[in-house]
């Protein structure tokens, strides 16, 4: 019962958060979840993508720092976030 209640709560929270994301961004995330075996996100640590371990170009890092839109790794395609 406890697990069912927790699943229901998380499902509800997921719906609330998903409603705040554009359909296009949510679609990209969902596609990446499928194509990247459940790992749609990758941390940009230092100047490296932790998903594929490449050094990220300076313009990608700059876009991440300004945090204006989703940024994908040019190599693996995962959505990047600063750590």
N, C-alpha and C. Protein backbone atom coordinates (compact mmCIF):
# COMPACT_ATOMS: atom_id res chain seq x y z
N UNK A 1 0.82 -1.20 0.00
CA UNK A 1 0.00 0.00 0.00
C UNK A 1 0.86 1.25 0.00
N UNK A 2 1.91 1.21 0.80
CA UNK A 2 2.78 2.39 0.91
C UNK A 2 3.42 2.70 -0.45
N UNK A 3 3.87 1.67 -1.16
CA UNK A 3 4.47 1.89 -2.47
C UNK A 3 3.45 2.41 -3.47
N UNK A 4 2.24 1.90 -3.43
CA UNK A 4 1.20 2.39 -4.32
C UNK A 4 0.92 3.87 -4.07
N UNK A 5 0.88 4.26 -2.81
CA UNK A 5 0.64 5.66 -2.46
C UNK A 5 1.79 6.53 -2.95
N UNK A 6 3.00 6.03 -2.81
CA UNK A 6 4.16 6.79 -3.25
C UNK A 6 4.19 6.94 -4.77
N UNK A 7 3.85 5.86 -5.49
CA UNK A 7 3.77 5.92 -6.95
C UNK A 7 2.71 6.92 -7.38
N UNK A 8 1.58 6.90 -6.72
CA UNK A 8 0.51 7.85 -7.06
C UNK A 8 0.95 9.29 -6.83
N UNK A 9 1.63 9.53 -5.73
CA UNK A 9 2.12 10.87 -5.42
C UNK A 9 3.15 11.33 -6.46
N UNK A 10 4.08 10.45 -6.81
CA UNK A 10 5.10 10.81 -7.80
C UNK A 10 4.50 11.02 -9.18
N UNK A 11 3.52 10.23 -9.53
CA UNK A 11 2.84 10.39 -10.81
C UNK A 11 2.14 11.74 -10.87
N UNK A 12 1.53 12.12 -9.79
CA UNK A 12 0.85 13.42 -9.72
C UNK A 12 1.86 14.56 -9.85
N UNK A 13 2.96 14.45 -9.14
CA UNK A 13 4.01 15.48 -9.22
C UNK A 13 4.58 15.55 -10.63
N UNK A 14 4.77 14.40 -11.26
CA UNK A 14 5.29 14.35 -12.62
C UNK A 14 4.36 15.11 -13.57
N UNK A 15 3.08 14.89 -13.41
CA UNK A 15 2.10 15.58 -14.26
C UNK A 15 2.14 17.09 -14.08
N UNK A 16 2.30 17.55 -12.84
CA UNK A 16 2.37 18.98 -12.58
C UNK A 16 3.62 19.60 -13.20
N UNK A 17 4.73 18.92 -13.07
CA UNK A 17 5.98 19.44 -13.63
C UNK A 17 5.94 19.39 -15.15
N UNK A 18 5.46 18.30 -15.71
CA UNK A 18 5.40 18.15 -17.17
C UNK A 18 4.51 19.22 -17.80
N UNK A 19 3.50 19.67 -17.09
CA UNK A 19 2.60 20.69 -17.61
C UNK A 19 3.30 22.04 -17.76
N UNK A 20 4.41 22.22 -17.07
CA UNK A 20 5.15 23.48 -17.12
C UNK A 20 6.22 23.49 -18.21
N UNK A 21 6.40 22.36 -18.88
CA UNK A 21 7.44 22.22 -19.91
C UNK A 21 6.77 22.24 -21.27
N UNK A 22 7.43 22.90 -22.24
CA UNK A 22 6.84 22.96 -23.58
C UNK A 22 6.74 21.55 -24.17
N UNK A 23 5.78 21.38 -25.06
CA UNK A 23 5.59 20.06 -25.69
C UNK A 23 6.84 19.64 -26.46
N UNK A 24 7.48 20.60 -27.11
CA UNK A 24 8.68 20.31 -27.89
C UNK A 24 9.81 19.82 -26.98
N UNK A 25 10.04 20.52 -25.87
CA UNK A 25 11.09 20.11 -24.94
C UNK A 25 10.79 18.77 -24.30
N UNK A 26 9.54 18.55 -23.93
CA UNK A 26 9.15 17.28 -23.34
C UNK A 26 9.30 16.14 -24.34
N UNK A 27 8.98 16.42 -25.60
CA UNK A 27 9.14 15.42 -26.65
C UNK A 27 10.60 15.05 -26.86
N UNK A 28 11.48 16.06 -26.85
CA UNK A 28 12.91 15.81 -26.98
C UNK A 28 13.41 14.96 -25.82
N UNK A 29 13.01 15.31 -24.61
CA UNK A 29 13.43 14.56 -23.43
C UNK A 29 12.96 13.10 -23.51
N UNK A 30 11.71 12.91 -23.89
CA UNK A 30 11.15 11.56 -23.99
C UNK A 30 11.88 10.74 -25.05
N UNK A 31 12.18 11.35 -26.18
CA UNK A 31 12.93 10.67 -27.24
C UNK A 31 14.31 10.27 -26.75
N UNK A 32 14.98 11.19 -26.07
CA UNK A 32 16.32 10.89 -25.56
C UNK A 32 16.29 9.78 -24.52
N UNK A 33 15.27 9.75 -23.69
CA UNK A 33 15.15 8.66 -22.71
C UNK A 33 15.16 7.31 -23.40
N UNK A 34 14.47 7.24 -24.53
CA UNK A 34 14.39 5.99 -25.27
C UNK A 34 15.70 5.67 -25.99
N UNK A 35 16.24 6.65 -26.69
CA UNK A 35 17.42 6.39 -27.51
C UNK A 35 18.72 6.31 -26.71
N UNK A 36 18.72 6.87 -25.52
CA UNK A 36 19.94 6.86 -24.69
C UNK A 36 19.81 5.94 -23.48
N UNK A 37 19.01 4.91 -23.63
CA UNK A 37 18.83 3.88 -22.59
C UNK A 37 18.53 4.48 -21.21
N UNK A 38 17.60 5.44 -21.18
CA UNK A 38 17.16 6.00 -19.91
C UNK A 38 18.03 7.11 -19.35
N UNK A 39 19.03 7.55 -20.11
CA UNK A 39 19.92 8.62 -19.64
C UNK A 39 19.87 9.80 -20.60
N UNK A 40 18.83 10.60 -20.44
CA UNK A 40 18.61 11.73 -21.35
C UNK A 40 19.45 12.94 -20.97
N UNK A 41 19.93 12.98 -19.73
CA UNK A 41 20.68 14.13 -19.23
C UNK A 41 22.13 13.75 -18.98
N UNK A 42 22.99 14.76 -19.12
CA UNK A 42 24.40 14.56 -18.79
C UNK A 42 24.91 15.84 -18.11
N UNK A 43 25.71 15.65 -17.11
CA UNK A 43 26.30 16.78 -16.41
C UNK A 43 27.50 17.30 -17.18
N UNK A 44 27.61 18.61 -17.27
CA UNK A 44 28.81 19.24 -17.82
C UNK A 44 29.68 19.60 -16.63
N UNK A 45 30.70 18.82 -16.43
CA UNK A 45 31.59 19.02 -15.29
C UNK A 45 32.93 19.53 -15.81
N UNK A 46 33.34 20.69 -15.30
CA UNK A 46 34.50 21.33 -15.89
C UNK A 46 34.12 21.74 -17.29
N UNK A 47 34.81 21.22 -18.26
CA UNK A 47 34.43 21.49 -19.66
C UNK A 47 34.12 20.19 -20.39
N UNK A 48 33.73 19.17 -19.62
CA UNK A 48 33.53 17.85 -20.20
C UNK A 48 32.09 17.36 -20.02
N UNK A 49 31.55 16.75 -21.07
CA UNK A 49 30.25 16.07 -20.99
C UNK A 49 30.49 14.75 -20.28
N UNK A 50 29.77 14.53 -19.20
CA UNK A 50 29.92 13.28 -18.45
C UNK A 50 29.15 12.13 -19.09
N UNK A 51 28.37 12.41 -20.12
CA UNK A 51 27.66 11.35 -20.84
C UNK A 51 28.56 10.62 -21.81
N UNK A 52 29.39 11.39 -22.54
CA UNK A 52 30.25 10.77 -23.56
C UNK A 52 31.73 11.11 -23.37
N UNK A 53 32.02 11.93 -22.37
CA UNK A 53 33.40 12.25 -21.96
C UNK A 53 34.18 13.05 -23.01
N UNK A 54 33.49 13.89 -23.79
CA UNK A 54 34.23 14.76 -24.70
C UNK A 54 34.37 16.14 -24.07
N UNK A 55 35.38 16.87 -24.51
CA UNK A 55 35.52 18.26 -24.11
C UNK A 55 34.52 19.09 -24.90
N UNK A 56 33.74 19.87 -24.20
CA UNK A 56 32.70 20.66 -24.84
C UNK A 56 33.28 21.96 -25.38
N UNK A 57 32.82 22.38 -26.55
CA UNK A 57 33.27 23.66 -27.11
C UNK A 57 32.85 24.82 -26.20
N UNK A 58 33.61 25.89 -26.26
CA UNK A 58 33.35 27.05 -25.41
C UNK A 58 31.96 27.63 -25.64
N UNK A 59 31.47 27.64 -26.89
CA UNK A 59 30.15 28.22 -27.14
C UNK A 59 29.04 27.40 -26.46
N UNK A 60 29.21 26.09 -26.36
CA UNK A 60 28.24 25.24 -25.65
C UNK A 60 28.26 25.56 -24.16
N UNK A 61 29.44 25.68 -23.60
CA UNK A 61 29.56 26.01 -22.17
C UNK A 61 28.96 27.38 -21.88
N UNK A 62 29.17 28.33 -22.78
CA UNK A 62 28.61 29.67 -22.59
C UNK A 62 27.09 29.63 -22.63
N UNK A 63 26.53 28.85 -23.55
CA UNK A 63 25.07 28.72 -23.62
C UNK A 63 24.52 28.07 -22.35
N UNK A 64 25.26 27.12 -21.80
CA UNK A 64 24.83 26.48 -20.55
C UNK A 64 24.83 27.48 -19.40
N UNK A 65 25.85 28.32 -19.35
CA UNK A 65 25.96 29.29 -18.26
C UNK A 65 24.85 30.34 -18.30
N UNK A 66 24.42 30.70 -19.50
CA UNK A 66 23.35 31.71 -19.60
C UNK A 66 21.98 31.10 -19.31
N UNK A 67 21.86 29.77 -19.44
CA UNK A 67 20.66 29.04 -19.02
C UNK A 67 19.39 29.59 -19.66
N UNK A 68 19.45 29.89 -20.95
CA UNK A 68 18.29 30.45 -21.63
C UNK A 68 17.45 29.40 -22.34
N UNK A 69 18.05 28.28 -22.68
CA UNK A 69 17.32 27.24 -23.41
C UNK A 69 18.01 25.91 -23.18
N UNK A 70 17.38 24.84 -23.61
CA UNK A 70 18.00 23.53 -23.51
C UNK A 70 19.25 23.49 -24.39
N UNK A 71 20.28 22.84 -23.88
CA UNK A 71 21.53 22.70 -24.63
C UNK A 71 21.86 21.22 -24.71
N UNK A 72 22.12 20.76 -25.93
CA UNK A 72 22.48 19.36 -26.15
C UNK A 72 23.97 19.23 -26.41
N UNK A 73 24.54 18.12 -25.97
CA UNK A 73 25.93 17.81 -26.26
C UNK A 73 26.05 17.61 -27.78
N UNK A 74 27.04 18.23 -28.41
CA UNK A 74 27.19 18.06 -29.85
C UNK A 74 27.62 16.65 -30.25
N UNK A 75 28.11 15.87 -29.30
CA UNK A 75 28.57 14.52 -29.60
C UNK A 75 27.50 13.46 -29.33
N UNK A 76 27.02 13.40 -28.08
CA UNK A 76 26.07 12.33 -27.71
C UNK A 76 24.61 12.77 -27.79
N UNK A 77 24.35 14.07 -27.85
CA UNK A 77 23.00 14.57 -27.99
C UNK A 77 22.22 14.70 -26.69
N UNK A 78 22.81 14.28 -25.57
CA UNK A 78 22.10 14.38 -24.29
C UNK A 78 21.90 15.85 -23.90
N UNK A 79 20.87 16.10 -23.10
CA UNK A 79 20.65 17.44 -22.58
C UNK A 79 21.65 17.69 -21.47
N UNK A 80 22.33 18.82 -21.54
CA UNK A 80 23.38 19.12 -20.59
C UNK A 80 22.87 19.99 -19.44
N UNK A 81 23.47 19.79 -18.28
CA UNK A 81 23.23 20.66 -17.14
C UNK A 81 24.56 20.88 -16.44
N UNK A 82 24.68 22.05 -15.80
CA UNK A 82 25.91 22.38 -15.09
C UNK A 82 25.85 21.74 -13.70
N UNK A 83 26.99 21.22 -13.28
CA UNK A 83 27.03 20.56 -11.98
C UNK A 83 27.74 21.32 -10.93
